[in-house]
Protein backbone atom coordinates (compact mmCIF):
# COMPACT_ATOMS: atom_id res chain seq x y z
CA UNK A 1 0.00 0.00 0.00
CA UNK A 2 1.21 3.52 -0.77
CA UNK A 3 0.41 6.99 0.53
CA UNK A 4 1.19 10.30 -1.12
CA UNK A 5 1.92 13.33 1.06
CA UNK A 6 2.34 17.02 0.39
CA UNK A 7 4.42 19.27 2.61
CA UNK A 8 5.53 22.78 3.48
CA UNK A 9 9.00 22.00 2.10
CA UNK A 10 7.57 22.14 -1.43
CA UNK A 11 7.70 18.39 -1.99
CA UNK A 12 5.20 15.64 -2.69
CA UNK A 13 6.36 12.14 -1.74
CA UNK A 14 5.06 8.65 -2.33
CA UNK A 15 5.57 6.33 0.68
CA UNK A 16 5.37 2.56 1.28
CA UNK A 17 3.03 2.31 4.29
CA UNK A 18 4.52 -0.88 5.73
CA UNK A 19 8.12 0.38 5.81
CA UNK A 20 7.93 4.17 5.73
CA UNK A 21 10.34 4.19 2.76
CA UNK A 22 9.79 6.51 -0.17
CA UNK A 23 8.88 4.80 -3.43
CA UNK A 24 10.26 7.69 -5.45
CA UNK A 25 14.03 7.91 -5.02
CA UNK A 26 13.97 11.71 -5.02
CA UNK A 27 11.05 13.77 -3.75
CA UNK A 28 9.03 15.62 -6.33
CA UNK A 29 10.18 19.23 -6.21
CA UNK A 30 7.16 21.42 -6.83
CA UNK A 31 9.06 24.68 -7.07
CA UNK A 32 8.27 27.78 -5.06
CA UNK A 33 4.89 26.70 -3.74
CA UNK A 34 3.81 24.71 -0.69
CA UNK A 35 1.84 21.55 -1.46
CA UNK A 36 -1.70 21.81 -0.09
CA UNK A 37 -3.44 18.96 -1.91
CA UNK A 38 -2.28 15.71 -3.49
CA UNK A 39 -4.21 12.99 -5.29
CA UNK A 40 -2.86 9.65 -6.48
CA UNK A 41 -4.80 7.32 -8.74
CA UNK A 42 -3.46 3.79 -8.14
CA UNK A 43 -4.57 2.52 -11.55
CA UNK A 44 -2.36 5.11 -13.27
CA UNK A 45 1.19 6.34 -12.91
CA UNK A 46 0.26 9.93 -12.20
CA UNK A 47 0.17 12.15 -9.11
CA UNK A 48 -1.56 15.54 -9.16
CA UNK A 49 -0.69 18.25 -6.66
CA UNK A 50 -2.09 21.72 -6.04
CA UNK A 51 -0.67 24.71 -4.25
CA UNK A 52 -0.87 28.47 -4.27
CA UNK A 53 1.48 30.81 -6.03
CA UNK A 54 1.26 34.48 -5.10
CA UNK A 55 -1.93 35.75 -6.73
CA UNK A 56 -2.87 32.45 -8.39
CA UNK A 57 -3.12 28.69 -7.92
CA UNK A 58 -1.85 25.79 -9.98
CA UNK A 59 -2.44 22.07 -10.49
CA UNK A 60 0.46 19.94 -11.72
CA UNK A 61 0.59 16.33 -12.91
CA UNK A 62 3.68 14.19 -12.25
CA UNK A 63 4.98 10.78 -13.29
CA UNK A 64 4.57 8.82 -10.02
CA UNK A 65 7.26 6.26 -10.80
CA UNK A 66 10.04 8.57 -11.98
CA UNK A 67 9.25 11.92 -10.38
CA UNK A 68 9.54 13.69 -13.73
CA UNK A 69 8.79 17.40 -13.92
CA UNK A 70 5.14 18.30 -14.11
CA UNK A 71 2.81 19.02 -16.92
CA UNK A 72 1.12 22.25 -15.87
CA UNK A 73 -2.61 21.83 -16.45
CA UNK A 74 -3.94 25.06 -14.97
CA UNK A 75 -2.17 28.16 -13.77
PDB file of N, CA and C in Angstrom:
ATOM      1  N   UNK A   1       0.845  -1.165   0.000  1.00  0.00           N
ATOM      2  CA  UNK A   1       0.000   0.000   0.000  1.00  0.00           C
ATOM      3  C   UNK A   1       0.896   1.236   0.000  1.00  0.00           C
ATOM      4  N   UNK A   2       0.444   2.279  -0.688  1.00  0.00           N
ATOM      5  CA  UNK A   2       1.213   3.519  -0.775  1.00  0.00           C
ATOM      6  C   UNK A   2       0.359   4.705  -0.352  1.00  0.00           C
ATOM      7  N   UNK A   3       1.041   5.729   0.141  1.00  0.00           N
ATOM      8  CA  UNK A   3       0.410   6.990   0.527  1.00  0.00           C
ATOM      9  C   UNK A   3       1.208   8.104  -0.135  1.00  0.00           C
ATOM     10  N   UNK A   4       0.517   9.133  -0.575  1.00  0.00           N
ATOM     11  CA  UNK A   4       1.193  10.302  -1.125  1.00  0.00           C
ATOM     12  C   UNK A   4       0.969  11.460  -0.172  1.00  0.00           C
ATOM     13  N   UNK A   5       2.043  12.188   0.144  1.00  0.00           N
ATOM     14  CA  UNK A   5       1.921  13.326   1.058  1.00  0.00           C
ATOM     15  C   UNK A   5       2.423  14.593   0.385  1.00  0.00           C
ATOM     16  N   UNK A   6       1.867  15.713   0.826  1.00  0.00           N
ATOM     17  CA  UNK A   6       2.338  17.021   0.391  1.00  0.00           C
ATOM     18  C   UNK A   6       2.836  17.764   1.613  1.00  0.00           C
ATOM     19  N   UNK A   7       3.815  18.646   1.445  1.00  0.00           N
ATOM     20  CA  UNK A   7       4.424  19.270   2.614  1.00  0.00           C
ATOM     21  C   UNK A   7       4.803  20.724   2.378  1.00  0.00           C
ATOM     22  N   UNK A   8       5.116  21.384   3.489  1.00  0.00           N
ATOM     23  CA  UNK A   8       5.532  22.783   3.481  1.00  0.00           C
ATOM     24  C   UNK A   8       6.883  22.966   2.814  1.00  0.00           C
ATOM     25  N   UNK A   9       7.666  21.885   2.707  1.00  0.00           N
ATOM     26  CA  UNK A   9       9.002  21.998   2.104  1.00  0.00           C
ATOM     27  C   UNK A   9       8.971  21.926   0.580  1.00  0.00           C
ATOM     28  N   UNK A  10       7.775  22.092   0.016  1.00  0.00           N
ATOM     29  CA  UNK A  10       7.566  22.141  -1.434  1.00  0.00           C
ATOM     30  C   UNK A  10       7.806  20.797  -2.110  1.00  0.00           C
ATOM     31  N   UNK A  11       7.544  19.715  -1.404  1.00  0.00           N
ATOM     32  CA  UNK A  11       7.695  18.389  -1.992  1.00  0.00           C
ATOM     33  C   UNK A  11       6.410  17.590  -1.855  1.00  0.00           C
ATOM     34  N   UNK A  12       6.233  16.673  -2.787  1.00  0.00           N
ATOM     35  CA  UNK A  12       5.204  15.643  -2.690  1.00  0.00           C
ATOM     36  C   UNK A  12       5.972  14.328  -2.725  1.00  0.00           C
ATOM     37  N   UNK A  13       5.632  13.410  -1.814  1.00  0.00           N
ATOM     38  CA  UNK A  13       6.363  12.145  -1.739  1.00  0.00           C
ATOM     39  C   UNK A  13       5.393  10.975  -1.719  1.00  0.00           C
ATOM     40  N   UNK A  14       5.825   9.884  -2.331  1.00  0.00           N
ATOM     41  CA  UNK A  14       5.056   8.650  -2.327  1.00  0.00           C
ATOM     42  C   UNK A  14       5.753   7.685  -1.369  1.00  0.00           C
ATOM     43  N   UNK A  15       5.008   7.152  -0.394  1.00  0.00           N
ATOM     44  CA  UNK A  15       5.575   6.328   0.680  1.00  0.00           C
ATOM     45  C   UNK A  15       5.007   4.911   0.651  1.00  0.00           C
ATOM     46  N   UNK A  16       5.825   3.933   1.040  1.00  0.00           N
ATOM     47  CA  UNK A  16       5.367   2.565   1.283  1.00  0.00           C
ATOM     48  C   UNK A  16       4.886   2.530   2.731  1.00  0.00           C
ATOM     49  N   UNK A  17       3.618   2.243   2.952  1.00  0.00           N
ATOM     50  CA  UNK A  17       3.030   2.310   4.291  1.00  0.00           C
ATOM     51  C   UNK A  17       3.712   1.352   5.263  1.00  0.00           C
ATOM     52  N   UNK A  18       3.971   0.137   4.840  1.00  0.00           N
ATOM     53  CA  UNK A  18       4.518  -0.876   5.734  1.00  0.00           C
ATOM     54  C   UNK A  18       5.921  -0.546   6.244  1.00  0.00           C
ATOM     55  N   UNK A  19       6.726   0.143   5.434  1.00  0.00           N
ATOM     56  CA  UNK A  19       8.124   0.385   5.809  1.00  0.00           C
ATOM     57  C   UNK A  19       8.461   1.849   6.073  1.00  0.00           C
ATOM     58  N   UNK A  20       7.632   2.752   5.596  1.00  0.00           N
ATOM     59  CA  UNK A  20       7.935   4.170   5.734  1.00  0.00           C
ATOM     60  C   UNK A  20       8.955   4.670   4.720  1.00  0.00           C
ATOM     61  N   UNK A  21       9.371   3.810   3.800  1.00  0.00           N
ATOM     62  CA  UNK A  21      10.335   4.186   2.763  1.00  0.00           C
ATOM     63  C   UNK A  21       9.630   4.936   1.641  1.00  0.00           C
ATOM     64  N   UNK A  22      10.366   5.835   0.989  1.00  0.00           N
ATOM     65  CA  UNK A  22       9.789   6.509  -0.168  1.00  0.00           C
ATOM     66  C   UNK A  22       9.915   5.614  -1.391  1.00  0.00           C
ATOM     67  N   UNK A  23       8.866   5.583  -2.204  1.00  0.00           N
ATOM     68  CA  UNK A  23       8.877   4.795  -3.428  1.00  0.00           C
ATOM     69  C   UNK A  23       9.575   5.550  -4.551  1.00  0.00           C
ATOM     70  N   UNK A  24       9.565   6.868  -4.474  1.00  0.00           N
ATOM     71  CA  UNK A  24      10.258   7.686  -5.454  1.00  0.00           C
ATOM     72  C   UNK A  24      11.624   8.000  -4.852  1.00  0.00           C
ATOM     73  N   UNK A  25      12.688   7.736  -5.576  1.00  0.00           N
ATOM     74  CA  UNK A  25      14.028   7.912  -5.024  1.00  0.00           C
ATOM     75  C   UNK A  25      14.295   9.346  -4.599  1.00  0.00           C
ATOM     76  N   UNK A  26      13.827  10.300  -5.379  1.00  0.00           N
ATOM     77  CA  UNK A  26      13.971  11.711  -5.021  1.00  0.00           C
ATOM     78  C   UNK A  26      12.574  12.298  -4.868  1.00  0.00           C
ATOM     79  N   UNK A  27      12.369  13.160  -3.881  1.00  0.00           N
ATOM     80  CA  UNK A  27      11.053  13.769  -3.748  1.00  0.00           C
ATOM     81  C   UNK A  27      10.734  14.624  -4.964  1.00  0.00           C
ATOM     82  N   UNK A  28       9.465  14.761  -5.245  1.00  0.00           N
ATOM     83  CA  UNK A  28       9.033  15.622  -6.334  1.00  0.00           C
ATOM     84  C   UNK A  28       9.169  17.061  -5.882  1.00  0.00           C
ATOM     85  N   UNK A  29       9.998  17.816  -6.537  1.00  0.00           N
ATOM     86  CA  UNK A  29      10.176  19.230  -6.208  1.00  0.00           C
ATOM     87  C   UNK A  29       9.117  20.031  -6.941  1.00  0.00           C
ATOM     88  N   UNK A  30       8.257  20.700  -6.204  1.00  0.00           N
ATOM     89  CA  UNK A  30       7.158  21.424  -6.828  1.00  0.00           C
ATOM     90  C   UNK A  30       7.511  22.856  -7.155  1.00  0.00           C
ATOM     91  N   UNK A  31       8.681  23.311  -6.760  1.00  0.00           N
ATOM     92  CA  UNK A  31       9.062  24.683  -7.070  1.00  0.00           C
ATOM     93  C   UNK A  31       8.891  25.593  -5.880  1.00  0.00           C
ATOM     94  N   UNK A  32       8.332  26.763  -6.104  1.00  0.00           N
ATOM     95  CA  UNK A  32       8.267  27.780  -5.059  1.00  0.00           C
ATOM     96  C   UNK A  32       7.023  27.702  -4.196  1.00  0.00           C
ATOM     97  N   UNK A  33       6.164  26.738  -4.439  1.00  0.00           N
ATOM     98  CA  UNK A  33       4.892  26.701  -3.736  1.00  0.00           C
ATOM     99  C   UNK A  33       4.815  25.563  -2.726  1.00  0.00           C
ATOM    100  N   UNK A  34       4.105  25.780  -1.632  1.00  0.00           N
ATOM    101  CA  UNK A  34       3.805  24.709  -0.691  1.00  0.00           C
ATOM    102  C   UNK A  34       2.805  23.773  -1.344  1.00  0.00           C
ATOM    103  N   UNK A  35       2.777  22.528  -0.914  1.00  0.00           N
ATOM    104  CA  UNK A  35       1.835  21.555  -1.458  1.00  0.00           C
ATOM    105  C   UNK A  35       0.666  21.447  -0.493  1.00  0.00           C
ATOM    106  N   UNK A  36      -0.515  21.839  -0.937  1.00  0.00           N
ATOM    107  CA  UNK A  36      -1.699  21.812  -0.087  1.00  0.00           C
ATOM    108  C   UNK A  36      -2.624  20.644  -0.378  1.00  0.00           C
ATOM    109  N   UNK A  37      -2.556  20.072  -1.558  1.00  0.00           N
ATOM    110  CA  UNK A  37      -3.438  18.957  -1.907  1.00  0.00           C
ATOM    111  C   UNK A  37      -2.697  18.024  -2.851  1.00  0.00           C
ATOM    112  N   UNK A  38      -2.906  16.724  -2.644  1.00  0.00           N
ATOM    113  CA  UNK A  38      -2.282  15.712  -3.489  1.00  0.00           C
ATOM    114  C   UNK A  38      -3.311  14.630  -3.760  1.00  0.00           C
ATOM    115  N   UNK A  39      -3.353  14.129  -4.976  1.00  0.00           N
ATOM    116  CA  UNK A  39      -4.206  12.985  -5.292  1.00  0.00           C
ATOM    117  C   UNK A  39      -3.378  11.994  -6.097  1.00  0.00           C
ATOM    118  N   UNK A  40      -3.572  10.726  -5.785  1.00  0.00           N
ATOM    119  CA  UNK A  40      -2.864   9.654  -6.483  1.00  0.00           C
ATOM    120  C   UNK A  40      -3.899   8.647  -6.934  1.00  0.00           C
ATOM    121  N   UNK A  41      -3.885   8.312  -8.202  1.00  0.00           N
ATOM    122  CA  UNK A  41      -4.803   7.318  -8.741  1.00  0.00           C
ATOM    123  C   UNK A  41      -4.024   6.027  -8.939  1.00  0.00           C
ATOM    124  N   UNK A  42      -4.282   5.001  -8.110  1.00  0.00           N
ATOM    125  CA  UNK A  42      -3.458   3.793  -8.135  1.00  0.00           C
ATOM    126  C   UNK A  42      -3.493   3.027  -9.451  1.00  0.00           C
ATOM    127  N   UNK A  43      -4.523   3.230 -10.277  1.00  0.00           N
ATOM    128  CA  UNK A  43      -4.572   2.517 -11.547  1.00  0.00           C
ATOM    129  C   UNK A  43      -3.845   3.276 -12.660  1.00  0.00           C
ATOM    130  N   UNK A  44      -3.161   4.361 -12.298  1.00  0.00           N
ATOM    131  CA  UNK A  44      -2.362   5.111 -13.266  1.00  0.00           C
ATOM    132  C   UNK A  44      -0.959   5.302 -12.700  1.00  0.00           C
ATOM    133  N   UNK A  45      -0.152   6.031 -13.407  1.00  0.00           N
ATOM    134  CA  UNK A  45       1.190   6.337 -12.907  1.00  0.00           C
ATOM    135  C   UNK A  45       1.333   7.830 -12.651  1.00  0.00           C
ATOM    136  N   UNK A  46       0.222   8.490 -12.367  1.00  0.00           N
ATOM    137  CA  UNK A  46       0.256   9.935 -12.199  1.00  0.00           C
ATOM    138  C   UNK A  46      -0.113  10.375 -10.785  1.00  0.00           C
ATOM    139  N   UNK A  47       0.512  11.467 -10.352  1.00  0.00           N
ATOM    140  CA  UNK A  47       0.172  12.149  -9.107  1.00  0.00           C
ATOM    141  C   UNK A  47      -0.156  13.582  -9.496  1.00  0.00           C
ATOM    142  N   UNK A  48      -1.233  14.124  -8.950  1.00  0.00           N
ATOM    143  CA  UNK A  48      -1.556  15.538  -9.164  1.00  0.00           C
ATOM    144  C   UNK A  48      -1.388  16.262  -7.842  1.00  0.00           C
ATOM    145  N   UNK A  49      -0.802  17.454  -7.876  1.00  0.00           N
ATOM    146  CA  UNK A  49      -0.694  18.253  -6.663  1.00  0.00           C
ATOM    147  C   UNK A  49      -1.161  19.671  -6.952  1.00  0.00           C
ATOM    148  N   UNK A  50      -1.625  20.341  -5.906  1.00  0.00           N
ATOM    149  CA  UNK A  50      -2.088  21.721  -6.036  1.00  0.00           C
ATOM    150  C   UNK A  50      -1.479  22.552  -4.926  1.00  0.00           C
ATOM    151  N   UNK A  51      -1.201  23.795  -5.246  1.00  0.00           N
ATOM    152  CA  UNK A  51      -0.667  24.711  -4.254  1.00  0.00           C
ATOM    153  C   UNK A  51      -0.766  26.132  -4.760  1.00  0.00           C
ATOM    154  N   UNK A  52      -0.730  27.078  -3.852  1.00  0.00           N
ATOM    155  CA  UNK A  52      -0.866  28.473  -4.268  1.00  0.00           C
ATOM    156  C   UNK A  52       0.463  29.061  -4.724  1.00  0.00           C
ATOM    157  N   UNK A  53       0.373  29.937  -5.649  1.00  0.00           N
ATOM    158  CA  UNK A  53       1.477  30.807  -6.034  1.00  0.00           C
ATOM    159  C   UNK A  53       0.920  32.204  -5.814  1.00  0.00           C
ATOM    160  N   UNK A  54       1.738  33.138  -5.425  1.00  0.00           N
ATOM    161  CA  UNK A  54       1.256  34.476  -5.098  1.00  0.00           C
ATOM    162  C   UNK A  54       0.317  34.977  -6.189  1.00  0.00           C
ATOM    163  N   UNK A  55      -0.942  35.219  -5.805  1.00  0.00           N
ATOM    164  CA  UNK A  55      -1.926  35.754  -6.728  1.00  0.00           C
ATOM    165  C   UNK A  55      -2.609  34.746  -7.628  1.00  0.00           C
ATOM    166  N   UNK A  56      -2.255  33.462  -7.545  1.00  0.00           N
ATOM    167  CA  UNK A  56      -2.875  32.453  -8.392  1.00  0.00           C
ATOM    168  C   UNK A  56      -2.675  31.076  -7.777  1.00  0.00           C
ATOM    169  N   UNK A  57      -3.287  30.075  -8.363  1.00  0.00           N
ATOM    170  CA  UNK A  57      -3.116  28.689  -7.924  1.00  0.00           C
ATOM    171  C   UNK A  57      -2.747  27.844  -9.135  1.00  0.00           C
ATOM    172  N   UNK A  58      -2.199  26.664  -8.871  1.00  0.00           N
ATOM    173  CA  UNK A  58      -1.850  25.788  -9.983  1.00  0.00           C
ATOM    174  C   UNK A  58      -2.089  24.337  -9.606  1.00  0.00           C
ATOM    175  N   UNK A  59      -2.332  23.514 -10.631  1.00  0.00           N
ATOM    176  CA  UNK A  59      -2.440  22.066 -10.492  1.00  0.00           C
ATOM    177  C   UNK A  59      -1.387  21.485 -11.421  1.00  0.00           C
ATOM    178  N   UNK A  60      -0.599  20.546 -10.909  1.00  0.00           N
ATOM    179  CA  UNK A  60       0.456  19.944 -11.720  1.00  0.00           C
ATOM    180  C   UNK A  60       0.333  18.429 -11.683  1.00  0.00           C
ATOM    181  N   UNK A  61       0.673  17.789 -12.800  1.00  0.00           N
ATOM    182  CA  UNK A  61       0.586  16.333 -12.914  1.00  0.00           C
ATOM    183  C   UNK A  61       1.998  15.787 -13.108  1.00  0.00           C
ATOM    184  N   UNK A  62       2.336  14.765 -12.286  1.00  0.00           N
ATOM    185  CA  UNK A  62       3.680  14.191 -12.247  1.00  0.00           C
ATOM    186  C   UNK A  62       3.654  12.715 -12.626  1.00  0.00           C
ATOM    187  N   UNK A  63       4.772  12.212 -13.096  1.00  0.00           N
ATOM    188  CA  UNK A  63       4.981  10.783 -13.288  1.00  0.00           C
ATOM    189  C   UNK A  63       5.297  10.192 -11.916  1.00  0.00           C
ATOM    190  N   UNK A  64       4.438   9.344 -11.383  1.00  0.00           N
ATOM    191  CA  UNK A  64       4.573   8.819 -10.020  1.00  0.00           C
ATOM    192  C   UNK A  64       5.753   7.869  -9.865  1.00  0.00           C
ATOM    193  N   UNK A  65       6.167   7.220 -10.913  1.00  0.00           N
ATOM    194  CA  UNK A  65       7.261   6.262 -10.800  1.00  0.00           C
ATOM    195  C   UNK A  65       8.639   6.913 -10.921  1.00  0.00           C
ATOM    196  N   UNK A  66       8.737   7.966 -11.708  1.00  0.00           N
ATOM    197  CA  UNK A  66      10.040   8.568 -11.977  1.00  0.00           C
ATOM    198  C   UNK A  66      10.222   9.943 -11.362  1.00  0.00           C
ATOM    199  N   UNK A  67       9.146  10.592 -10.945  1.00  0.00           N
ATOM    200  CA  UNK A  67       9.253  11.924 -10.378  1.00  0.00           C
ATOM    201  C   UNK A  67       9.603  12.981 -11.412  1.00  0.00           C
ATOM    202  N   UNK A  68       9.240  12.727 -12.667  1.00  0.00           N
ATOM    203  CA  UNK A  68       9.543  13.687 -13.729  1.00  0.00           C
ATOM    204  C   UNK A  68       8.842  15.011 -13.501  1.00  0.00           C
ATOM    205  N   UNK A  69       9.405  16.078 -14.049  1.00  0.00           N
ATOM    206  CA  UNK A  69       8.788  17.402 -13.919  1.00  0.00           C
ATOM    207  C   UNK A  69       7.333  17.384 -14.386  1.00  0.00           C
ATOM    208  N   UNK A  70       6.580  18.316 -13.867  1.00  0.00           N
ATOM    209  CA  UNK A  70       5.138  18.296 -14.107  1.00  0.00           C
ATOM    210  C   UNK A  70       4.736  18.797 -15.480  1.00  0.00           C
ATOM    211  N   UNK A  71       3.526  18.384 -15.836  1.00  0.00           N
ATOM    212  CA  UNK A  71       2.812  19.021 -16.924  1.00  0.00           C
ATOM    213  C   UNK A  71       1.875  20.000 -16.237  1.00  0.00           C
ATOM    214  N   UNK A  72       1.987  21.278 -16.517  1.00  0.00           N
ATOM    215  CA  UNK A  72       1.116  22.255 -15.869  1.00  0.00           C
ATOM    216  C   UNK A  72      -0.223  22.232 -16.587  1.00  0.00           C
ATOM    217  N   UNK A  73      -1.296  21.949 -15.839  1.00  0.00           N
ATOM    218  CA  UNK A  73      -2.608  21.833 -16.453  1.00  0.00           C
ATOM    219  C   UNK A  73      -3.464  23.062 -16.244  1.00  0.00           C
ATOM    220  N   UNK A  74      -3.190  23.829 -15.225  1.00  0.00           N
ATOM    221  CA  UNK A  74      -3.939  25.057 -14.965  1.00  0.00           C
ATOM    222  C   UNK A  74      -3.053  25.969 -14.152  1.00  0.00           C
ATOM    223  N   UNK A  75      -2.990  27.219 -14.532  1.00  0.00           N
ATOM    224  CA  UNK A  75      -2.170  28.156 -13.766  1.00  0.00           C
ATOM    225  C   UNK A  75      -2.788  29.525 -13.842  1.00  0.00           C
TER     226      UNK A  75
END
